[in-house]
PDB file of N, CA and C in Angstrom:
ATOM      1  N   MET A   1      46.383 -92.409 -77.331  1.00  0.00           N
ATOM      2  CA  MET A   1      47.565 -91.876 -77.721  1.00  0.00           C
ATOM      3  C   MET A   1      48.817 -92.054 -77.644  1.00  0.00           C
ATOM      4  N   ASN A   2      49.434 -91.524 -78.812  1.00  0.00           N
ATOM      5  CA  ASN A   2      50.894 -92.222 -79.278  1.00  0.00           C
ATOM      6  C   ASN A   2      52.039 -91.444 -78.221  1.00  0.00           C
ATOM      7  N   VAL A   3      53.086 -92.257 -77.518  1.00  0.00           N
ATOM      8  CA  VAL A   3      53.972 -92.095 -76.711  1.00  0.00           C
ATOM      9  C   VAL A   3      55.210 -92.529 -76.378  1.00  0.00           C
ATOM     10  N   LYS A   4      55.813 -92.053 -77.598  1.00  0.00           N
ATOM     11  CA  LYS A   4      57.683 -92.512 -77.638  1.00  0.00           C
ATOM     12  C   LYS A   4      57.969 -92.435 -75.946  1.00  0.00           C
ATOM     13  N   VAL A   5      58.891 -93.708 -76.159  1.00  0.00           N
ATOM     14  CA  VAL A   5      59.697 -93.939 -74.622  1.00  0.00           C
ATOM     15  C   VAL A   5      60.950 -94.395 -74.986  1.00  0.00           C
ATOM     16  N   ILE A   6      61.823 -93.440 -74.395  1.00  0.00           N
ATOM     17  CA  ILE A   6      63.148 -93.798 -74.562  1.00  0.00           C
ATOM     18  C   ILE A   6      63.714 -94.382 -72.933  1.00  0.00           C
ATOM     19  N   GLY A   7      64.416 -95.780 -73.122  1.00  0.00           N
ATOM     20  CA  GLY A   7      64.741 -96.483 -71.806  1.00  0.00           C
ATOM     21  C   GLY A   7      65.304 -97.470 -72.341  1.00  0.00           C
ATOM     22  N   SER A   8      65.480 -98.241 -71.171  1.00  0.00           N
ATOM     23  CA  SER A   8      65.982 -99.652 -71.407  1.00  0.00           C
ATOM     24  C   SER A   8      65.079-100.888 -70.890  1.00  0.00           C
ATOM     25  N   HIS A   9      65.639-101.675 -71.343  1.00  0.00           N
ATOM     26  CA  HIS A   9      64.642-103.248 -70.967  1.00  0.00           C
ATOM     27  C   HIS A   9      65.569-103.383 -69.734  1.00  0.00           C
ATOM     28  N   LEU A  10      66.297-103.034 -69.573  1.00  0.00           N
ATOM     29  CA  LEU A  10      67.625-103.540 -68.000  1.00  0.00           C
ATOM     30  C   LEU A  10      66.743-102.603 -66.770  1.00  0.00           C
ATOM     31  N   CYS A  11      65.560-101.422 -67.395  1.00  0.00           N
ATOM     32  CA  CYS A  11      65.566-100.850 -66.354  1.00  0.00           C
ATOM     33  C   CYS A  11      64.478-100.987 -65.552  1.00  0.00           C
ATOM     34  N   PRO A  12      64.450-101.258 -63.951  1.00  0.00           N
ATOM     35  CA  PRO A  12      62.980-101.482 -63.546  1.00  0.00           C
ATOM     36  C   PRO A  12      62.018-100.295 -64.072  1.00  0.00           C
ATOM     37  N   ASP A  13      62.372 -98.984 -63.759  1.00  0.00           N
ATOM     38  CA  ASP A  13      61.804 -98.100 -63.679  1.00  0.00           C
ATOM     39  C   ASP A  13      60.955 -97.870 -65.152  1.00  0.00           C
ATOM     40  N   THR A  14      62.007 -98.451 -66.313  1.00  0.00           N
ATOM     41  CA  THR A  14      61.101 -98.305 -67.679  1.00  0.00           C
ATOM     42  C   THR A  14      60.312 -99.259 -67.986  1.00  0.00           C
ATOM     43  N   LEU A  15      60.919-100.473 -67.122  1.00  0.00           N
ATOM     44  CA  LEU A  15      59.688-101.442 -67.820  1.00  0.00           C
ATOM     45  C   LEU A  15      57.799-101.295 -66.764  1.00  0.00           C
ATOM     46  N   TYR A  16      58.224-100.669 -65.634  1.00  0.00           N
ATOM     47  CA  TYR A  16      57.363-100.446 -64.969  1.00  0.00           C
ATOM     48  C   TYR A  16      56.660 -99.217 -65.958  1.00  0.00           C
ATOM     49  N   ALA A  17      56.737 -98.103 -66.575  1.00  0.00           N
ATOM     50  CA  ALA A  17      56.654 -97.225 -66.690  1.00  0.00           C
ATOM     51  C   ALA A  17      55.485 -97.970 -68.877  1.00  0.00           C
ATOM     52  N   LEU A  18      56.167 -99.082 -68.941  1.00  0.00           N
ATOM     53  CA  LEU A  18      55.639 -99.575 -69.868  1.00  0.00           C
ATOM     54  C   LEU A  18      54.609-100.520 -70.116  1.00  0.00           C
ATOM     55  N   SER A  19      54.765-101.147 -68.290  1.00  0.00           N
ATOM     56  CA  SER A  19      53.656-101.838 -68.020  1.00  0.00           C
ATOM     57  C   SER A  19      51.934-100.730 -68.063  1.00  0.00           C
ATOM     58  N   LYS A  20      52.474 -99.936 -67.298  1.00  0.00           N
ATOM     59  CA  LYS A  20      51.571 -98.731 -66.691  1.00  0.00           C
ATOM     60  C   LYS A  20      50.767 -98.138 -67.960  1.00  0.00           C
ATOM     61  N   LEU A  21      51.646 -97.967 -69.239  1.00  0.00           N
ATOM     62  CA  LEU A  21      51.212 -97.211 -70.455  1.00  0.00           C
ATOM     63  C   LEU A  21      50.211 -98.619 -71.211  1.00  0.00           C
ATOM     64  N   LYS A  22      50.923 -99.421 -70.909  1.00  0.00           N
ATOM     65  CA  LYS A  22      49.909-101.152 -71.940  1.00  0.00           C
ATOM     66  C   LYS A  22      48.433-100.809 -71.012  1.00  0.00           C
ATOM     67  N   ASP A  23      48.408-100.711 -69.539  1.00  0.00           N
ATOM     68  CA  ASP A  23      47.445-100.650 -69.103  1.00  0.00           C
ATOM     69  C   ASP A  23      46.274 -99.923 -68.828  1.00  0.00           C
ATOM     70  N   LYS A  24      46.628 -98.629 -69.776  1.00  0.00           N
ATOM     71  CA  LYS A  24      45.852 -97.329 -70.452  1.00  0.00           C
ATOM     72  C   LYS A  24      45.759 -97.579 -72.048  1.00  0.00           C
ATOM     73  N   ASN A  25      46.049 -98.969 -72.326  1.00  0.00           N
ATOM     74  CA  ASN A  25      46.251 -98.612 -74.014  1.00  0.00           C
ATOM     75  C   ASN A  25      47.273 -97.229 -74.646  1.00  0.00           C
ATOM     76  N   ALA A  26      47.843 -97.401 -74.159  1.00  0.00           N
ATOM     77  CA  ALA A  26      48.667 -95.995 -75.107  1.00  0.00           C
ATOM     78  C   ALA A  26      49.424 -96.525 -76.447  1.00  0.00           C
ATOM     79  N   ASN A  27      49.276 -96.422 -77.085  1.00  0.00           N
ATOM     80  CA  ASN A  27      50.349 -96.531 -78.258  1.00  0.00           C
ATOM     81  C   ASN A  27      51.663 -96.215 -78.540  1.00  0.00           C
ATOM     82  N   ILE A  28      52.643 -97.097 -77.922  1.00  0.00           N
ATOM     83  CA  ILE A  28      53.947 -97.139 -77.683  1.00  0.00           C
ATOM     84  C   ILE A  28      54.703 -97.500 -78.675  1.00  0.00           C
ATOM     85  N   ASP A  29      56.044 -96.221 -78.960  1.00  0.00           N
ATOM     86  CA  ASP A  29      57.017 -96.113 -79.487  1.00  0.00           C
ATOM     87  C   ASP A  29      58.174 -96.459 -78.620  1.00  0.00           C
ATOM     88  N   PHE A  30      58.910 -97.179 -78.345  1.00  0.00           N
ATOM     89  CA  PHE A  30      59.634 -97.626 -77.123  1.00  0.00           C
ATOM     90  C   PHE A  30      61.163 -97.644 -77.438  1.00  0.00           C
ATOM     91  N   ALA A  31      61.675 -97.102 -77.545  1.00  0.00           N
ATOM     92  CA  ALA A  31      63.374 -96.642 -77.970  1.00  0.00           C
ATOM     93  C   ALA A  31      64.184 -97.310 -77.226  1.00  0.00           C
ATOM     94  N   ASP A  32      64.502 -98.552 -77.112  1.00  0.00           N
ATOM     95  CA  ASP A  32      65.286 -99.108 -76.217  1.00  0.00           C
ATOM     96  C   ASP A  32      67.210 -99.370 -76.421  1.00  0.00           C
ATOM     97  N   LEU A  33      67.079 -98.262 -75.383  1.00  0.00           N
ATOM     98  CA  LEU A  33      68.713 -97.785 -76.057  1.00  0.00           C
ATOM     99  C   LEU A  33      69.711 -98.974 -75.576  1.00  0.00           C
ATOM    100  N   SER A  34      69.190 -99.757 -74.650  1.00  0.00           N
ATOM    101  CA  SER A  34      70.385-100.850 -74.523  1.00  0.00           C
ATOM    102  C   SER A  34      70.734-101.961 -75.960  1.00  0.00           C
ATOM    103  N   ALA A  35      69.570-101.791 -76.867  1.00  0.00           N
ATOM    104  CA  ALA A  35      69.578-102.776 -77.749  1.00  0.00           C
ATOM    105  C   ALA A  35      70.046-102.116 -78.708  1.00  0.00           C
ATOM    106  N   SER A  36      70.141-101.146 -79.349  1.00  0.00           N
ATOM    107  CA  SER A  36      69.613-100.668 -80.328  1.00  0.00           C
ATOM    108  C   SER A  36      70.390 -98.908 -79.988  1.00  0.00           C
ATOM    109  N   PHE A  37      71.530 -98.988 -81.222  1.00  0.00           N
ATOM    110  CA  PHE A  37      72.661 -98.216 -81.502  1.00  0.00           C
ATOM    111  C   PHE A  37      71.820 -96.308 -82.315  1.00  0.00           C
ATOM    112  N   SER A  38      70.726 -97.346 -82.768  1.00  0.00           N
ATOM    113  CA  SER A  38      69.815 -95.446 -83.370  1.00  0.00           C
ATOM    114  C   SER A  38      69.144 -95.541 -81.788  1.00  0.00           C
ATOM    115  N   ALA A  39      68.708 -95.943 -80.953  1.00  0.00           N
ATOM    116  CA  ALA A  39      67.919 -95.402 -79.746  1.00  0.00           C
ATOM    117  C   ALA A  39      68.846 -94.650 -79.035  1.00  0.00           C
ATOM    118  N   LEU A  40      70.173 -95.223 -78.551  1.00  0.00           N
ATOM    119  CA  LEU A  40      70.870 -95.077 -77.765  1.00  0.00           C
ATOM    120  C   LEU A  40      71.635 -93.327 -78.211  1.00  0.00           C
ATOM    121  N   LYS A  41      71.980 -93.309 -79.692  1.00  0.00           N
ATOM    122  CA  LYS A  41      71.722 -92.065 -80.170  1.00  0.00           C
ATOM    123  C   LYS A  41      70.842 -91.163 -80.096  1.00  0.00           C
ATOM    124  N   ASP A  42      70.175 -91.618 -80.264  1.00  0.00           N
ATOM    125  CA  ASP A  42      68.597 -90.817 -80.311  1.00  0.00           C
ATOM    126  C   ASP A  42      68.384 -90.268 -78.506  1.00  0.00           C
ATOM    127  N   TYR A  43      68.867 -91.293 -77.596  1.00  0.00           N
ATOM    128  CA  TYR A  43      68.541 -90.695 -76.306  1.00  0.00           C
ATOM    129  C   TYR A  43      69.465 -89.950 -75.821  1.00  0.00           C
ATOM    130  N   LEU A  44      70.746 -90.045 -76.647  1.00  0.00           N
ATOM    131  CA  LEU A  44      72.050 -89.113 -76.161  1.00  0.00           C
ATOM    132  C   LEU A  44      71.730 -87.267 -76.606  1.00  0.00           C
ATOM    133  N   TYR A  45      71.436 -87.874 -78.230  1.00  0.00           N
ATOM    134  CA  TYR A  45      70.693 -86.488 -78.248  1.00  0.00           C
ATOM    135  C   TYR A  45      70.343 -85.498 -77.421  1.00  0.00           C
ATOM    136  N   VAL A  46      68.736 -86.127 -77.149  1.00  0.00           N
ATOM    137  CA  VAL A  46      67.777 -85.542 -76.216  1.00  0.00           C
ATOM    138  C   VAL A  46      68.592 -84.896 -74.682  1.00  0.00           C
ATOM    139  N   ARG A  47      69.562 -86.142 -74.642  1.00  0.00           N
ATOM    140  CA  ARG A  47      70.080 -86.127 -73.133  1.00  0.00           C
ATOM    141  C   ARG A  47      70.730 -84.776 -72.823  1.00  0.00           C
ATOM    142  N   GLU A  48      71.598 -84.792 -73.889  1.00  0.00           N
ATOM    143  CA  GLU A  48      72.623 -83.280 -74.240  1.00  0.00           C
ATOM    144  C   GLU A  48      72.089 -82.007 -74.490  1.00  0.00           C
ATOM    145  N   ASN A  49      70.640 -82.101 -74.746  1.00  0.00           N
ATOM    146  CA  ASN A  49      70.508 -80.761 -75.707  1.00  0.00           C
ATOM    147  C   ASN A  49      68.715 -80.238 -75.126  1.00  0.00           C
ATOM    148  N   ASN A  50      68.594 -81.152 -73.924  1.00  0.00           N
ATOM    149  CA  ASN A  50      67.051 -80.783 -73.251  1.00  0.00           C
ATOM    150  C   ASN A  50      67.411 -80.564 -71.775  1.00  0.00           C
ATOM    151  N   ALA A  51      66.975 -79.273 -71.215  1.00  0.00           N
ATOM    152  CA  ALA A  51      66.959 -78.484 -70.236  1.00  0.00           C
ATOM    153  C   ALA A  51      66.196 -79.924 -69.256  1.00  0.00           C
ATOM    154  N   LEU A  52      65.204 -80.172 -69.487  1.00  0.00           N
ATOM    155  CA  LEU A  52      64.715 -81.694 -68.205  1.00  0.00           C
ATOM    156  C   LEU A  52      65.848 -82.358 -67.666  1.00  0.00           C
ATOM    157  N   TYR A  53      67.403 -82.850 -68.900  1.00  0.00           N
ATOM    158  CA  TYR A  53      68.028 -83.223 -67.912  1.00  0.00           C
ATOM    159  C   TYR A  53      68.902 -82.697 -67.063  1.00  0.00           C
ATOM    160  N   ASP A  54      69.280 -81.485 -67.416  1.00  0.00           N
ATOM    161  CA  ASP A  54      69.811 -80.194 -66.774  1.00  0.00           C
ATOM    162  C   ASP A  54      70.264 -81.058 -65.240  1.00  0.00           C
ATOM    163  N   ALA A  55      69.846 -81.051 -64.253  1.00  0.00           N
ATOM    164  CA  ALA A  55      69.290 -81.754 -63.221  1.00  0.00           C
ATOM    165  C   ALA A  55      70.568 -83.316 -62.949  1.00  0.00           C
ATOM    166  N   ILE A  56      69.810 -83.592 -64.105  1.00  0.00           N
ATOM    167  CA  ILE A  56      70.443 -84.945 -64.101  1.00  0.00           C
ATOM    168  C   ILE A  56      71.715 -85.520 -64.851  1.00  0.00           C
ATOM    169  N   ARG A  57      72.302 -84.353 -65.693  1.00  0.00           N
ATOM    170  CA  ARG A  57      73.094 -84.092 -65.739  1.00  0.00           C
ATOM    171  C   ARG A  57      74.561 -84.205 -64.847  1.00  0.00           C
ATOM    172  N   GLU A  58      74.422 -83.216 -63.998  1.00  0.00           N
ATOM    173  CA  GLU A  58      75.057 -82.531 -62.840  1.00  0.00           C
ATOM    174  C   GLU A  58      75.232 -83.305 -61.707  1.00  0.00           C
ATOM    175  N   ALA A  59      74.114 -84.142 -61.831  1.00  0.00           N
ATOM    176  CA  ALA A  59      74.048 -84.822 -60.456  1.00  0.00           C
ATOM    177  C   ALA A  59      74.706 -86.317 -60.833  1.00  0.00           C
ATOM    178  N   GLY A  60      75.313 -86.816 -62.667  1.00  0.00           N
ATOM    179  CA  GLY A  60      75.644 -87.880 -62.829  1.00  0.00           C
ATOM    180  C   GLY A  60      74.576 -88.887 -62.904  1.00  0.00           C
ATOM    181  N   GLY A  61      73.452 -88.445 -63.377  1.00  0.00           N
ATOM    182  CA  GLY A  61      72.672 -89.664 -63.476  1.00  0.00           C
ATOM    183  C   GLY A  61      72.171 -89.892 -64.893  1.00  0.00           C
ATOM    184  N   ILE A  62      71.567 -91.115 -65.142  1.00  0.00           N
ATOM    185  CA  ILE A  62      71.356 -91.605 -66.202  1.00  0.00           C
ATOM    186  C   ILE A  62      69.832 -90.794 -66.769  1.00  0.00           C
ATOM    187  N   GLY A  63      68.723 -90.797 -66.384  1.00  0.00           N
ATOM    188  CA  GLY A  63      67.552 -90.223 -66.270  1.00  0.00           C
ATOM    189  C   GLY A  63      66.685 -90.752 -67.561  1.00  0.00           C
ATOM    190  N   ILE A  64      66.167 -92.031 -67.323  1.00  0.00           N
ATOM    191  CA  ILE A  64      65.801 -92.725 -68.093  1.00  0.00           C
ATOM    192  C   ILE A  64      64.344 -93.398 -67.005  1.00  0.00           C
ATOM    193  N   PRO A  65      63.124 -93.749 -67.816  1.00  0.00           N
ATOM    194  CA  PRO A  65      62.840 -93.249 -69.092  1.00  0.00           C
ATOM    195  C   PRO A  65      62.583 -91.789 -69.183  1.00  0.00           C
ATOM    196  N   PHE A  66      62.213 -91.713 -70.457  1.00  0.00           N
ATOM    197  CA  PHE A  66      62.187 -89.988 -71.515  1.00  0.00           C
ATOM    198  C   PHE A  66      60.839 -90.332 -71.898  1.00  0.00           C
ATOM    199  N   PHE A  67      60.323 -89.427 -71.637  1.00  0.00           N
ATOM    200  CA  PHE A  67      58.387 -89.269 -72.602  1.00  0.00           C
ATOM    201  C   PHE A  67      58.442 -88.226 -73.546  1.00  0.00           C
ATOM    202  N   GLU A  68      58.368 -88.641 -74.499  1.00  0.00           N
ATOM    203  CA  GLU A  68      57.400 -87.364 -75.692  1.00  0.00           C
ATOM    204  C   GLU A  68      55.694 -87.857 -75.962  1.00  0.00           C
ATOM    205  N   ILE A  69      54.811 -87.341 -75.737  1.00  0.00           N
ATOM    206  CA  ILE A  69      53.533 -87.460 -76.013  1.00  0.00           C
ATOM    207  C   ILE A  69      53.260 -86.796 -77.357  1.00  0.00           C
ATOM    208  N   GLU A  70      52.136 -87.210 -78.004  1.00  0.00           N
ATOM    209  CA  GLU A  70      52.436 -86.975 -79.354  1.00  0.00           C
ATOM    210  C   GLU A  70      52.190 -85.587 -79.677  1.00  0.00           C
ATOM    211  N   ASP A  71      51.503 -84.450 -78.967  1.00  0.00           N
ATOM    212  CA  ASP A  71      51.480 -83.338 -78.755  1.00  0.00           C
ATOM    213  C   ASP A  71      52.767 -82.794 -78.505  1.00  0.00           C
ATOM    214  N   GLY A  72      53.904 -83.359 -78.393  1.00  0.00           N
ATOM    215  CA  GLY A  72      55.200 -82.406 -78.043  1.00  0.00           C
ATOM    216  C   GLY A  72      55.494 -82.385 -76.786  1.00  0.00           C
ATOM    217  N   THR A  73      54.850 -82.728 -75.611  1.00  0.00           N
ATOM    218  CA  THR A  73      54.941 -82.767 -74.322  1.00  0.00           C
ATOM    219  C   THR A  73      56.150 -83.259 -74.002  1.00  0.00           C
ATOM    220  N   GLN A  74      57.609 -83.207 -73.384  1.00  0.00           N
ATOM    221  CA  GLN A  74      58.690 -84.192 -72.975  1.00  0.00           C
ATOM    222  C   GLN A  74      58.433 -84.322 -71.292  1.00  0.00           C
ATOM    223  N   THR A  75      58.729 -85.364 -71.144  1.00  0.00           N
ATOM    224  CA  THR A  75      59.001 -85.424 -69.685  1.00  0.00           C
ATOM    225  C   THR A  75      60.243 -86.626 -69.001  1.00  0.00           C
ATOM    226  N   LEU A  76      59.947 -86.398 -67.889  1.00  0.00           N
ATOM    227  CA  LEU A  76      60.398 -87.630 -67.198  1.00  0.00           C
ATOM    228  C   LEU A  76      59.722 -87.881 -66.187  1.00  0.00           C
ATOM    229  N   ASP A  77      58.734 -87.621 -65.981  1.00  0.00           N
ATOM    230  CA  ASP A  77      57.577 -87.696 -65.242  1.00  0.00           C
ATOM    231  C   ASP A  77      56.163 -88.546 -65.735  1.00  0.00           C
ATOM    232  N   LEU A  78      56.268 -90.027 -65.259  1.00  0.00           N
ATOM    233  CA  LEU A  78      55.422 -90.791 -65.616  1.00  0.00           C
ATOM    234  C   LEU A  78      54.230 -90.599 -65.494  1.00  0.00           C
ATOM    235  N   ASN A  79      53.698 -89.890 -64.510  1.00  0.00           N
ATOM    236  CA  ASN A  79      52.285 -89.322 -63.792  1.00  0.00           C
ATOM    237  C   ASN A  79      51.885 -88.694 -64.750  1.00  0.00           C
ATOM    238  N   VAL A  80      52.770 -87.474 -65.661  1.00  0.00           N
ATOM    239  CA  VAL A  80      52.834 -86.194 -66.321  1.00  0.00           C
ATOM    240  C   VAL A  80      51.925 -87.100 -67.769  1.00  0.00           C
ATOM    241  N   VAL A  81      52.305 -88.418 -68.198  1.00  0.00           N
ATOM    242  CA  VAL A  81      51.915 -89.006 -69.286  1.00  0.00           C
ATOM    243  C   VAL A  81      50.828 -89.627 -68.785  1.00  0.00           C
ATOM    244  N   LEU A  82      50.564 -90.607 -67.660  1.00  0.00           N
ATOM    245  CA  LEU A  82      49.881 -91.201 -67.421  1.00  0.00           C
ATOM    246  C   LEU A  82      47.985 -90.064 -67.225  1.00  0.00           C
ATOM    247  N   ASN A  83      48.588 -89.137 -66.755  1.00  0.00           N
ATOM    248  CA  ASN A  83      47.171 -88.185 -66.609  1.00  0.00           C
ATOM    249  C   ASN A  83      46.717 -87.484 -68.055  1.00  0.00           C
ATOM    250  N   ARG A  84      47.715 -87.643 -68.573  1.00  0.00           N
ATOM    251  CA  ARG A  84      46.713 -87.109 -70.313  1.00  0.00           C
ATOM    252  C   ARG A  84      46.219 -88.117 -71.069  1.00  0.00           C
ATOM    253  N   LEU A  85      46.664 -89.516 -70.276  1.00  0.00           N
ATOM    254  CA  LEU A  85      45.844 -90.795 -71.531  1.00  0.00           C
ATOM    255  C   LEU A  85      44.351 -90.426 -71.105  1.00  0.00           C
TER     256      LEU A  85
END
């Protein structure tokens, strides 16, 4: 299964998620917002336009990692992704 992950190589939660996804043999498209302006731009678009981020924005959080499964499902919950693999 293909999974897009938007996160940062500086974020322990992102690194943990990438490890778990690799363990499940997912095809990972990792957009590292700390290393690429285009990845940061993609992340900011998602964060500003996706209802998943409403509470995170209100709390002043960052909200990574973000996952998009090949069927279009978007989530901030690694377990949702792992249960689909």
